[in-house]
Amino acid sequence: MTRVRHPYLDHPTPLPFAHRGGTANGLENTAAAFRRAAAAGYRYFETDVHTTADGALVAFHDATLDRVTDATGRIGDLPWAAVREARVAGAEPLPLFADLLEEFPEARWNVDLKAEAALVPLIDLIRKKRAWDRVCVGSFTEARVARAQRMAGPELATSYGVRGVVGLRLRSLGIPAAVRAGAIAAQVPERQGGIPVVDRRFVRAAHARGLQVHVWTVNDPARMNALLDLGVDGIMTDQLETLRSVLTERGVWV
C-alpha cells in the first residue's frame, strides 16, 4: 500500500474508476452514465475534456462528434450552441465539465486532457471551483501535463504521460531514466502493443517513488484479480458491476 501524497488519493485502495462513467450502456461521458456510476457506489470517475470554438469545456472523449452522437464535426471547430444539440446514442447531451463538478460534489475525477486548447480552461475551472482535491489531470502528452502542473503548482494532482511511464518502466528494469517529479500516479494499460507494461517490478518501482498505479481499461474479472494480486492501486473499467463484484469478493469494496 502506498502512502497518500495528495488529498485526491485519500481513499482506501484499490480505487475503482468508472471509465467514462461506464460505457456498457452506450452512454459514455454523459451525466446519465455518471449518475449510474454514482448509484452503483462509485466515487472515482474517469472522463476526457475538449473545448469548443468559443471556449466551453466539454466532457467528451473524441475530437469529433461522429462516432457516438447523432451529429458530426470537430468539437474544436464548433460553438457550444451547436455541440449542446448533439446526443450520445441519440439520447443524452454532452455535459460541460463544470456542470459535472456541480452535480457530483462527492466525486473525484480523473481527467484526460485531450487537446492543448483545453489546458487553460480546465486549470481555470479547477481554480475557480477550488476542486484541487477532486481532480487528477492526465494526458498521453507528458509535456502537456507538465505545463498544467507548472501553471497550477503542487495543489494540482497529475499522472504521468507516455514519457513518464516509459521512464518508470525502464527504471523498473534497472535502466537509468529520467521521470518527472510531482506526479501522484502512473496510469497505464496492462499491455501496449503486445508488450507487458504492468508487472510486479513496475508496481514496485512506482511504489518506491510514492506513486500509485492505476490500470486502464480492464473489463475481465480474471485480469482484474491478476492485477490486484500484483498490488495495483486502482482499476478503470467500463463494466461497473464486474469490478464491484471482484472487489466485493476480495473484501475491498468501499
Foldseek 3Di string as FASTA:
>chain_A
DFDDPALLPPDAFQAEEAEQLFCPVQQGQFPVSVVVLVVLPHQEYEWEWDAACVGFTWTDDDQWPPPFWPDTDGRNDHDPVVQQPIAGNDHTGIDGVLVVCVVRVRHAYEYEYPDLSCLVVVLVSCVVVVCLSRYEYEYLDQVSQVVSCVVNDLSHEYEGHVQQLVQLQCVLVVHHDDHDPRHAAHEEACADPNHGSDALSSCVSQSVNSHAYEYDDDEDLVVVVVNVVSPHGYYYYSHSVSVQVSCVVVVRRD
